[in-house]
Amino acid sequence: MRYKRAKHTAWRTISGQAFIVNTKTSTLHELNDVGTAIWECLRRPVTLDDISRHLVDVFETTLPEARKDTDDFLRQLTKTGLIDHVS
């Protein structure tokens, strides 16, 4: 499964931190540095493994830990309507 940013989002990165607005619900979401790295990966359709490998390259983490944390975060982004699944 691939994931991408939902079309009804507006975002900006300020000082390395992403701020995302869901324009359907008018809610603002502030991401930490790991969340921002994941959000930047989502500019094109990507898989959980693509993102996890990127996090291993950028942060001091293991692939299993990155995969679990990414999966949890993608579930949150899906629940809040910030990303879509792409087949």
C-alpha atoms as a PDB file:
ATOM      1  CA  MET A   1       0.000   0.000   0.000  1.00  0.00           C
ATOM      2  CA  ARG A   2       1.167   3.500  -0.793  1.00  0.00           C
ATOM      3  CA  TYR A   3       0.360   6.702   1.033  1.00  0.00           C
ATOM      4  CA  LYS A   4       0.270  10.345  -0.057  1.00  0.00           C
ATOM      5  CA  ARG A   5      -0.802  13.704   1.302  1.00  0.00           C
ATOM      6  CA  ALA A   6      -4.517  14.412   1.080  1.00  0.00           C
ATOM      7  CA  LYS A   7      -5.458  17.100  -1.422  1.00  0.00           C
ATOM      8  CA  HIS A   8      -7.362  19.091   1.196  1.00  0.00           C
ATOM      9  CA  THR A   9      -4.236  19.937   3.200  1.00  0.00           C
ATOM     10  CA  ALA A  10      -2.172  23.085   3.331  1.00  0.00           C
ATOM     11  CA  TRP A  11       1.214  23.031   5.009  1.00  0.00           C
ATOM     12  CA  ARG A  12       4.393  24.887   5.643  1.00  0.00           C
ATOM     13  CA  THR A  13       7.695  23.955   7.251  1.00  0.00           C
ATOM     14  CA  ILE A  14       9.096  26.570   9.634  1.00  0.00           C
ATOM     15  CA  SER A  15      12.466  26.013  11.309  1.00  0.00           C
ATOM     16  CA  GLY A  16      12.348  22.320  10.416  1.00  0.00           C
ATOM     17  CA  GLN A  17       8.869  21.757  11.841  1.00  0.00           C
ATOM     18  CA  ALA A  18       5.801  21.085   9.677  1.00  0.00           C
ATOM     19  CA  PHE A  19       2.481  22.787  10.335  1.00  0.00           C
ATOM     20  CA  ILE A  20      -0.439  21.199   8.476  1.00  0.00           C
ATOM     21  CA  VAL A  21      -4.005  22.427   8.108  1.00  0.00           C
ATOM     22  CA  ASN A  22      -6.789  20.052   7.187  1.00  0.00           C
ATOM     23  CA  THR A  23      -8.883  22.462   5.118  1.00  0.00           C
ATOM     24  CA  LYS A  24     -12.006  20.287   5.476  1.00  0.00           C
ATOM     25  CA  THR A  25     -11.994  20.509   9.270  1.00  0.00           C
ATOM     26  CA  SER A  26      -9.940  23.708   9.747  1.00  0.00           C
ATOM     27  CA  THR A  27      -7.682  21.916  12.210  1.00  0.00           C
ATOM     28  CA  LEU A  28      -3.997  22.681  12.611  1.00  0.00           C
ATOM     29  CA  HIS A  29      -1.475  19.897  13.247  1.00  0.00           C
ATOM     30  CA  GLU A  30       2.076  20.576  14.399  1.00  0.00           C
ATOM     31  CA  LEU A  31       4.662  17.853  13.736  1.00  0.00           C
ATOM     32  CA  ASN A  32       7.950  17.128  15.489  1.00  0.00           C
ATOM     33  CA  ASP A  33      11.154  16.489  13.540  1.00  0.00           C
ATOM     34  CA  VAL A  34      10.375  12.811  12.846  1.00  0.00           C
ATOM     35  CA  GLY A  35       6.804  13.604  11.844  1.00  0.00           C
ATOM     36  CA  THR A  36       8.089  16.344   9.556  1.00  0.00           C
ATOM     37  CA  ALA A  37      10.524  13.903   7.904  1.00  0.00           C
ATOM     38  CA  ILE A  38       7.649  11.488   7.304  1.00  0.00           C
ATOM     39  CA  TRP A  39       5.428  14.286   5.960  1.00  0.00           C
ATOM     40  CA  GLU A  40       8.136  15.330   3.514  1.00  0.00           C
ATOM     41  CA  CYS A  41       8.333  11.737   2.225  1.00  0.00           C
ATOM     42  CA  LEU A  42       4.594  11.879   1.495  1.00  0.00           C
ATOM     43  CA  ARG A  43       4.962  14.482  -1.266  1.00  0.00           C
ATOM     44  CA  ARG A  44       4.677  11.539  -3.659  1.00  0.00           C
ATOM     45  CA  PRO A  45       3.046   8.126  -3.134  1.00  0.00           C
ATOM     46  CA  VAL A  46       5.349   6.038  -0.907  1.00  0.00           C
ATOM     47  CA  THR A  47       5.193   2.797   1.028  1.00  0.00           C
ATOM     48  CA  LEU A  48       5.686   2.202   4.719  1.00  0.00           C
ATOM     49  CA  ASP A  49       9.036   0.576   3.923  1.00  0.00           C
ATOM     50  CA  ASP A  50      10.180   3.552   1.807  1.00  0.00           C
ATOM     51  CA  ILE A  51       9.550   5.910   4.700  1.00  0.00           C
ATOM     52  CA  SER A  52      11.063   3.556   7.289  1.00  0.00           C
ATOM     53  CA  ARG A  53      14.303   3.219   5.328  1.00  0.00           C
ATOM     54  CA  HIS A  54      14.497   7.005   5.004  1.00  0.00           C
ATOM     55  CA  LEU A  55      14.139   7.398   8.775  1.00  0.00           C
ATOM     56  CA  VAL A  56      16.939   4.895   9.377  1.00  0.00           C
ATOM     57  CA  ASP A  57      19.164   6.982   7.094  1.00  0.00           C
ATOM     58  CA  VAL A  58      18.299  10.272   8.805  1.00  0.00           C
ATOM     59  CA  PHE A  59      17.826   9.350  12.477  1.00  0.00           C
ATOM     60  CA  GLU A  60      19.574   6.973  14.861  1.00  0.00           C
ATOM     61  CA  THR A  61      17.052   4.140  14.788  1.00  0.00           C
ATOM     62  CA  THR A  62      16.658   0.562  13.639  1.00  0.00           C
ATOM     63  CA  LEU A  63      14.502  -0.553  10.739  1.00  0.00           C
ATOM     64  CA  PRO A  64      12.035  -2.494  12.946  1.00  0.00           C
ATOM     65  CA  GLU A  65      11.634   0.501  15.273  1.00  0.00           C
ATOM     66  CA  ALA A  66      11.260   2.922  12.358  1.00  0.00           C
ATOM     67  CA  ARG A  67       8.688   0.638  10.706  1.00  0.00           C
ATOM     68  CA  LYS A  68       6.581   0.371  13.890  1.00  0.00           C
ATOM     69  CA  ASP A  69       6.710   4.109  14.628  1.00  0.00           C
ATOM     70  CA  THR A  70       5.957   4.983  10.992  1.00  0.00           C
ATOM     71  CA  ASP A  71       3.023   2.578  10.879  1.00  0.00           C
ATOM     72  CA  ASP A  72       1.583   4.125  14.059  1.00  0.00           C
ATOM     73  CA  PHE A  73       2.055   7.645  12.699  1.00  0.00           C
ATOM     74  CA  LEU A  74       0.529   6.820   9.301  1.00  0.00           C
ATOM     75  CA  ARG A  75      -2.523   5.445  11.128  1.00  0.00           C
ATOM     76  CA  GLN A  76      -2.841   8.752  13.001  1.00  0.00           C
ATOM     77  CA  LEU A  77      -2.476  10.769   9.795  1.00  0.00           C
ATOM     78  CA  THR A  78      -5.126   8.605   8.135  1.00  0.00           C
ATOM     79  CA  LYS A  79      -7.486   8.997  11.101  1.00  0.00           C
ATOM     80  CA  THR A  80      -7.124  12.797  11.018  1.00  0.00           C
ATOM     81  CA  GLY A  81      -7.685  12.857   7.241  1.00  0.00           C
ATOM     82  CA  LEU A  82      -4.251  14.222   6.353  1.00  0.00           C
ATOM     83  CA  ILE A  83      -3.193  11.358   4.077  1.00  0.00           C
ATOM     84  CA  ASP A  84      -4.841   9.049   1.572  1.00  0.00           C
ATOM     85  CA  HIS A  85      -4.131   5.469   0.591  1.00  0.00           C
ATOM     86  CA  VAL A  86      -3.117   4.961  -3.027  1.00  0.00           C
ATOM     87  CA  SER A  87      -3.361   1.611  -4.792  1.00  0.00           C
END
